[in-house]
Amino acid sequence: MHSPVLTRFATPTDGIHSGGRISADDVPALQAAGIRHVINLAPAAETPGFDEAAAVRAAGMRYDTLPIAGAGDLDREAVVAFDRLLQDADGQTLVHCASGNRVGALAALRAAWLHGAGEEAAVEEGRRWGLRGLEGEVRGRLARERCLADAGGAADAARCDAAG
């Protein structure tokens, strides 16, 4: 759907838009543009004074949150939760954080860990979703996973932890 508010966001896959922070002023425009579901990856502390959940729900849209404060939260549990939210997406969906970077990081790790993409393909997928500054973290996690898959014992696992 073409809408001025949606031009700020990427559309990495049909029906899914990704990007950065939204404001109270964006909520009615998103609803008018056909967004039915908002998934927020930013912790509430990043938007003091704006109750995004209340604003989105008051506009009649579904709202979910998966707080990813930074690189330390980019783990398998978060990726599985992200995947589940996307699988349960209800119509046109916006996934966002402050800049789109954390969205892209989760998308890249999802592509690799859950869908079997190689490192380059996973990183490219992440970029389509907004991955930028966390690319090194994503590559490090993917390298650690490869190392662990090849590890022959506890000593190798310790080496992987030190490298990743």
C-alpha atoms as a PDB file:
ATOM      1  CA  MET A   1       0.000   0.000   0.000  1.00  0.00           C
ATOM      2  CA  HIS A   2       1.411   3.419  -0.927  1.00  0.00           C
ATOM      3  CA  SER A   3       1.333   5.949   1.874  1.00  0.00           C
ATOM      4  CA  PRO A   4       3.653   8.839   2.724  1.00  0.00           C
ATOM      5  CA  VAL A   5       4.195   7.510   6.256  1.00  0.00           C
ATOM      6  CA  LEU A   6       5.276   4.126   4.890  1.00  0.00           C
ATOM      7  CA  THR A   7       7.976   5.650   2.663  1.00  0.00           C
ATOM      8  CA  ARG A   8      10.122   5.976   5.828  1.00  0.00           C
ATOM      9  CA  PHE A   9      10.169   2.214   6.208  1.00  0.00           C
ATOM     10  CA  ALA A  10      11.640  -0.673   4.244  1.00  0.00           C
ATOM     11  CA  THR A  11       9.364  -3.399   2.906  1.00  0.00           C
ATOM     12  CA  PRO A  12      11.599  -6.476   3.136  1.00  0.00           C
ATOM     13  CA  THR A  13       8.756  -8.861   2.410  1.00  0.00           C
ATOM     14  CA  ASP A  14       5.169  -8.537   1.281  1.00  0.00           C
ATOM     15  CA  GLY A  15       3.027  -7.116   4.068  1.00  0.00           C
ATOM     16  CA  ILE A  16       5.929  -6.449   6.439  1.00  0.00           C
ATOM     17  CA  HIS A  17       7.483  -3.010   6.883  1.00  0.00           C
ATOM     18  CA  SER A  18      10.554  -2.349   9.014  1.00  0.00           C
ATOM     19  CA  GLY A  19      12.334   0.682  10.296  1.00  0.00           C
ATOM     20  CA  GLY A  20      12.882   3.130  13.091  1.00  0.00           C
ATOM     21  CA  ARG A  21      10.981   4.782  15.883  1.00  0.00           C
ATOM     22  CA  ILE A  22       7.414   5.965  15.502  1.00  0.00           C
ATOM     23  CA  SER A  23       5.751   8.875  17.274  1.00  0.00           C
ATOM     24  CA  ALA A  24       2.256   9.565  18.522  1.00  0.00           C
ATOM     25  CA  ASP A  25       1.650  11.558  15.329  1.00  0.00           C
ATOM     26  CA  ASP A  26       2.526   8.521  13.202  1.00  0.00           C
ATOM     27  CA  VAL A  27      -0.056   6.206  14.745  1.00  0.00           C
ATOM     28  CA  PRO A  28      -3.174   7.547  12.953  1.00  0.00           C
ATOM     29  CA  ALA A  29      -1.245   7.716   9.670  1.00  0.00           C
ATOM     30  CA  LEU A  30      -0.072   4.121  10.061  1.00  0.00           C
ATOM     31  CA  GLN A  31      -3.622   2.999  10.781  1.00  0.00           C
ATOM     32  CA  ALA A  32      -4.914   4.925   7.755  1.00  0.00           C
ATOM     33  CA  ALA A  33      -2.161   3.337   5.620  1.00  0.00           C
ATOM     34  CA  GLY A  34      -3.500  -0.097   6.454  1.00  0.00           C
ATOM     35  CA  ILE A  35      -1.076  -1.172   9.172  1.00  0.00           C
ATOM     36  CA  ARG A  36      -2.911  -3.642  11.394  1.00  0.00           C
ATOM     37  CA  HIS A  37      -0.072  -4.854  13.612  1.00  0.00           C
ATOM     38  CA  VAL A  38       2.899  -3.079  15.197  1.00  0.00           C
ATOM     39  CA  ILE A  39       5.845  -5.000  16.656  1.00  0.00           C
ATOM     40  CA  ASN A  40       8.156  -2.817  18.738  1.00  0.00           C
ATOM     41  CA  LEU A  41      11.672  -4.070  19.494  1.00  0.00           C
ATOM     42  CA  ALA A  42      12.694  -1.011  21.523  1.00  0.00           C
ATOM     43  CA  PRO A  43      12.473  -1.159  25.316  1.00  0.00           C
ATOM     44  CA  ALA A  44       9.884   1.241  26.764  1.00  0.00           C
ATOM     45  CA  ALA A  45      12.657   3.301  28.390  1.00  0.00           C
ATOM     46  CA  GLU A  46      13.722   4.481  24.922  1.00  0.00           C
ATOM     47  CA  THR A  47      10.492   6.424  24.445  1.00  0.00           C
ATOM     48  CA  PRO A  48       9.689   8.113  27.757  1.00  0.00           C
ATOM     49  CA  GLY A  49       6.498  10.108  27.612  1.00  0.00           C
ATOM     50  CA  PHE A  50       4.998   8.056  24.772  1.00  0.00           C
ATOM     51  CA  ASP A  51       2.890   5.026  25.583  1.00  0.00           C
ATOM     52  CA  GLU A  52       3.164   3.402  22.187  1.00  0.00           C
ATOM     53  CA  ALA A  53       1.200   0.313  23.200  1.00  0.00           C
ATOM     54  CA  ALA A  54      -1.780   2.382  24.343  1.00  0.00           C
ATOM     55  CA  ALA A  55      -1.688   4.625  21.261  1.00  0.00           C
ATOM     56  CA  VAL A  56      -1.479   1.720  18.819  1.00  0.00           C
ATOM     57  CA  ARG A  57      -4.218  -0.267  20.550  1.00  0.00           C
ATOM     58  CA  ALA A  58      -6.457   2.816  20.795  1.00  0.00           C
ATOM     59  CA  ALA A  59      -6.141   3.130  17.007  1.00  0.00           C
ATOM     60  CA  GLY A  60      -7.460  -0.424  16.665  1.00  0.00           C
ATOM     61  CA  MET A  61      -4.190  -2.095  15.752  1.00  0.00           C
ATOM     62  CA  ARG A  62      -2.578  -5.125  17.352  1.00  0.00           C
ATOM     63  CA  TYR A  63       0.561  -4.358  19.355  1.00  0.00           C
ATOM     64  CA  ASP A  64       3.388  -6.643  20.432  1.00  0.00           C
ATOM     65  CA  THR A  65       6.731  -5.872  21.990  1.00  0.00           C
ATOM     66  CA  LEU A  66       9.990  -7.798  22.072  1.00  0.00           C
ATOM     67  CA  PRO A  67      12.465  -5.543  23.898  1.00  0.00           C
ATOM     68  CA  ILE A  68      15.959  -5.773  22.417  1.00  0.00           C
ATOM     69  CA  ALA A  69      18.097  -3.273  24.327  1.00  0.00           C
ATOM     70  CA  GLY A  70      21.243  -3.971  22.345  1.00  0.00           C
ATOM     71  CA  ALA A  71      23.646  -6.561  21.016  1.00  0.00           C
ATOM     72  CA  GLY A  72      23.545  -8.565  24.240  1.00  0.00           C
ATOM     73  CA  ASP A  73      19.908  -9.434  23.574  1.00  0.00           C
ATOM     74  CA  LEU A  74      20.589 -10.931  20.130  1.00  0.00           C
ATOM     75  CA  ASP A  75      20.273 -14.573  21.142  1.00  0.00           C
ATOM     76  CA  ARG A  76      18.394 -17.624  19.895  1.00  0.00           C
ATOM     77  CA  GLU A  77      15.521 -17.046  22.294  1.00  0.00           C
ATOM     78  CA  ALA A  78      14.948 -13.553  20.881  1.00  0.00           C
ATOM     79  CA  VAL A  79      15.254 -14.816  17.298  1.00  0.00           C
ATOM     80  CA  VAL A  80      12.687 -17.559  17.926  1.00  0.00           C
ATOM     81  CA  ALA A  81      10.331 -15.037  19.563  1.00  0.00           C
ATOM     82  CA  PHE A  82      10.834 -12.657  16.604  1.00  0.00           C
ATOM     83  CA  ASP A  83      10.078 -15.474  14.161  1.00  0.00           C
ATOM     84  CA  ARG A  84       6.927 -16.394  16.075  1.00  0.00           C
ATOM     85  CA  LEU A  85       5.710 -12.781  16.006  1.00  0.00           C
ATOM     86  CA  LEU A  86       6.284 -12.617  12.252  1.00  0.00           C
ATOM     87  CA  GLN A  87       4.498 -15.925  11.708  1.00  0.00           C
ATOM     88  CA  ASP A  88       1.557 -14.601  13.723  1.00  0.00           C
ATOM     89  CA  ALA A  89       1.556 -11.234  11.937  1.00  0.00           C
ATOM     90  CA  ASP A  90      -1.961  -9.981  11.449  1.00  0.00           C
ATOM     91  CA  GLY A  91      -2.142  -8.303   8.037  1.00  0.00           C
ATOM     92  CA  GLN A  92       0.083  -5.335   7.164  1.00  0.00           C
ATOM     93  CA  THR A  93       2.700  -5.243   9.907  1.00  0.00           C
ATOM     94  CA  LEU A  94       5.300  -2.703  11.010  1.00  0.00           C
ATOM     95  CA  VAL A  95       8.345  -3.999  12.902  1.00  0.00           C
ATOM     96  CA  HIS A  96      10.503  -1.260  14.383  1.00  0.00           C
ATOM     97  CA  CYS A  97      13.086  -0.220  16.937  1.00  0.00           C
ATOM     98  CA  ALA A  98      14.790   3.181  17.192  1.00  0.00           C
ATOM     99  CA  SER A  99      16.543   3.026  13.812  1.00  0.00           C
ATOM    100  CA  GLY A 100      15.747  -0.364  12.255  1.00  0.00           C
ATOM    101  CA  ASN A 101      19.195  -1.753  13.095  1.00  0.00           C
ATOM    102  CA  ARG A 102      17.987  -4.226  15.740  1.00  0.00           C
ATOM    103  CA  VAL A 103      15.172  -5.314  13.433  1.00  0.00           C
ATOM    104  CA  GLY A 104      17.736  -6.069  10.741  1.00  0.00           C
ATOM    105  CA  ALA A 105      20.010  -7.898  13.180  1.00  0.00           C
ATOM    106  CA  LEU A 106      17.189 -10.208  14.262  1.00  0.00           C
ATOM    107  CA  ALA A 107      16.154 -10.735  10.636  1.00  0.00           C
ATOM    108  CA  ALA A 108      19.719 -11.726   9.706  1.00  0.00           C
ATOM    109  CA  LEU A 109      20.060 -14.159  12.594  1.00  0.00           C
ATOM    110  CA  ARG A 110      16.609 -15.570  11.820  1.00  0.00           C
ATOM    111  CA  ALA A 111      17.639 -16.163   8.195  1.00  0.00           C
ATOM    112  CA  ALA A 112      20.759 -18.043   9.302  1.00  0.00           C
ATOM    113  CA  TRP A 113      19.648 -19.873  12.427  1.00  0.00           C
ATOM    114  CA  LEU A 114      16.065 -20.734  11.521  1.00  0.00           C
ATOM    115  CA  HIS A 115      16.090 -20.792   7.718  1.00  0.00           C
ATOM    116  CA  GLY A 116      19.582 -22.110   6.975  1.00  0.00           C
ATOM    117  CA  ALA A 117      20.949 -19.100   5.091  1.00  0.00           C
ATOM    118  CA  GLY A 118      24.705 -18.762   4.806  1.00  0.00           C
ATOM    119  CA  GLU A 119      26.449 -15.805   6.418  1.00  0.00           C
ATOM    120  CA  GLU A 120      26.466 -13.506   3.379  1.00  0.00           C
ATOM    121  CA  ALA A 121      22.849 -14.253   2.463  1.00  0.00           C
ATOM    122  CA  ALA A 122      21.778 -13.766   6.083  1.00  0.00           C
ATOM    123  CA  VAL A 123      23.590 -10.436   6.367  1.00  0.00           C
ATOM    124  CA  GLU A 124      22.076  -9.273   3.076  1.00  0.00           C
ATOM    125  CA  GLU A 125      18.631 -10.226   4.375  1.00  0.00           C
ATOM    126  CA  GLY A 126      19.349  -8.264   7.536  1.00  0.00           C
ATOM    127  CA  ARG A 127      20.345  -5.216   5.491  1.00  0.00           C
ATOM    128  CA  ARG A 128      17.012  -5.367   3.658  1.00  0.00           C
ATOM    129  CA  TRP A 129      15.341  -5.085   7.075  1.00  0.00           C
ATOM    130  CA  GLY A 130      17.604  -2.286   8.361  1.00  0.00           C
ATOM    131  CA  LEU A 131      20.846  -3.887   9.606  1.00  0.00           C
ATOM    132  CA  ARG A 132      23.740  -1.436   9.758  1.00  0.00           C
ATOM    133  CA  GLY A 133      25.766  -0.863  12.918  1.00  0.00           C
ATOM    134  CA  LEU A 134      25.125  -4.311  14.396  1.00  0.00           C
ATOM    135  CA  GLU A 135      26.478  -6.149  11.353  1.00  0.00           C
ATOM    136  CA  GLY A 136      29.742  -6.979  13.135  1.00  0.00           C
ATOM    137  CA  GLU A 137      27.816  -8.422  16.084  1.00  0.00           C
ATOM    138  CA  VAL A 138      25.699 -10.517  13.727  1.00  0.00           C
ATOM    139  CA  ARG A 139      28.758 -11.814  11.879  1.00  0.00           C
ATOM    140  CA  GLY A 140      30.413 -12.629  15.210  1.00  0.00           C
ATOM    141  CA  ARG A 141      27.413 -14.643  16.373  1.00  0.00           C
ATOM    142  CA  LEU A 142      27.255 -16.504  13.066  1.00  0.00           C
ATOM    143  CA  ALA A 143      31.000 -17.252  13.211  1.00  0.00           C
ATOM    144  CA  ARG A 144      30.632 -18.536  16.771  1.00  0.00           C
ATOM    145  CA  GLU A 145      27.770 -20.819  15.690  1.00  0.00           C
ATOM    146  CA  ARG A 146      29.903 -22.208  12.839  1.00  0.00           C
ATOM    147  CA  CYS A 147      32.792 -22.742  15.233  1.00  0.00           C
ATOM    148  CA  LEU A 148      30.582 -24.542  17.748  1.00  0.00           C
ATOM    149  CA  ALA A 149      29.155 -26.749  15.013  1.00  0.00           C
ATOM    150  CA  ASP A 150      32.716 -27.765  14.116  1.00  0.00           C
ATOM    151  CA  ALA A 151      33.930 -27.994  17.740  1.00  0.00           C
ATOM    152  CA  GLY A 152      35.284 -31.332  18.820  1.00  0.00           C
ATOM    153  CA  GLY A 153      35.132 -30.855  22.566  1.00  0.00           C
ATOM    154  CA  ALA A 154      35.084 -28.515  25.522  1.00  0.00           C
ATOM    155  CA  ALA A 155      38.437 -26.962  24.586  1.00  0.00           C
ATOM    156  CA  ASP A 156      37.126 -26.119  21.112  1.00  0.00           C
ATOM    157  CA  ALA A 157      33.927 -24.685  22.599  1.00  0.00           C
ATOM    158  CA  ALA A 158      36.026 -22.425  24.840  1.00  0.00           C
ATOM    159  CA  ARG A 159      37.997 -21.335  21.762  1.00  0.00           C
ATOM    160  CA  CYS A 160      34.712 -20.507  19.999  1.00  0.00           C
ATOM    161  CA  ASP A 161      33.543 -18.455  22.974  1.00  0.00           C
ATOM    162  CA  ALA A 162      36.811 -16.532  22.959  1.00  0.00           C
ATOM    163  CA  ALA A 163      36.583 -15.942  19.196  1.00  0.00           C
ATOM    164  CA  GLY A 164      32.880 -15.065  19.094  1.00  0.00           C
END
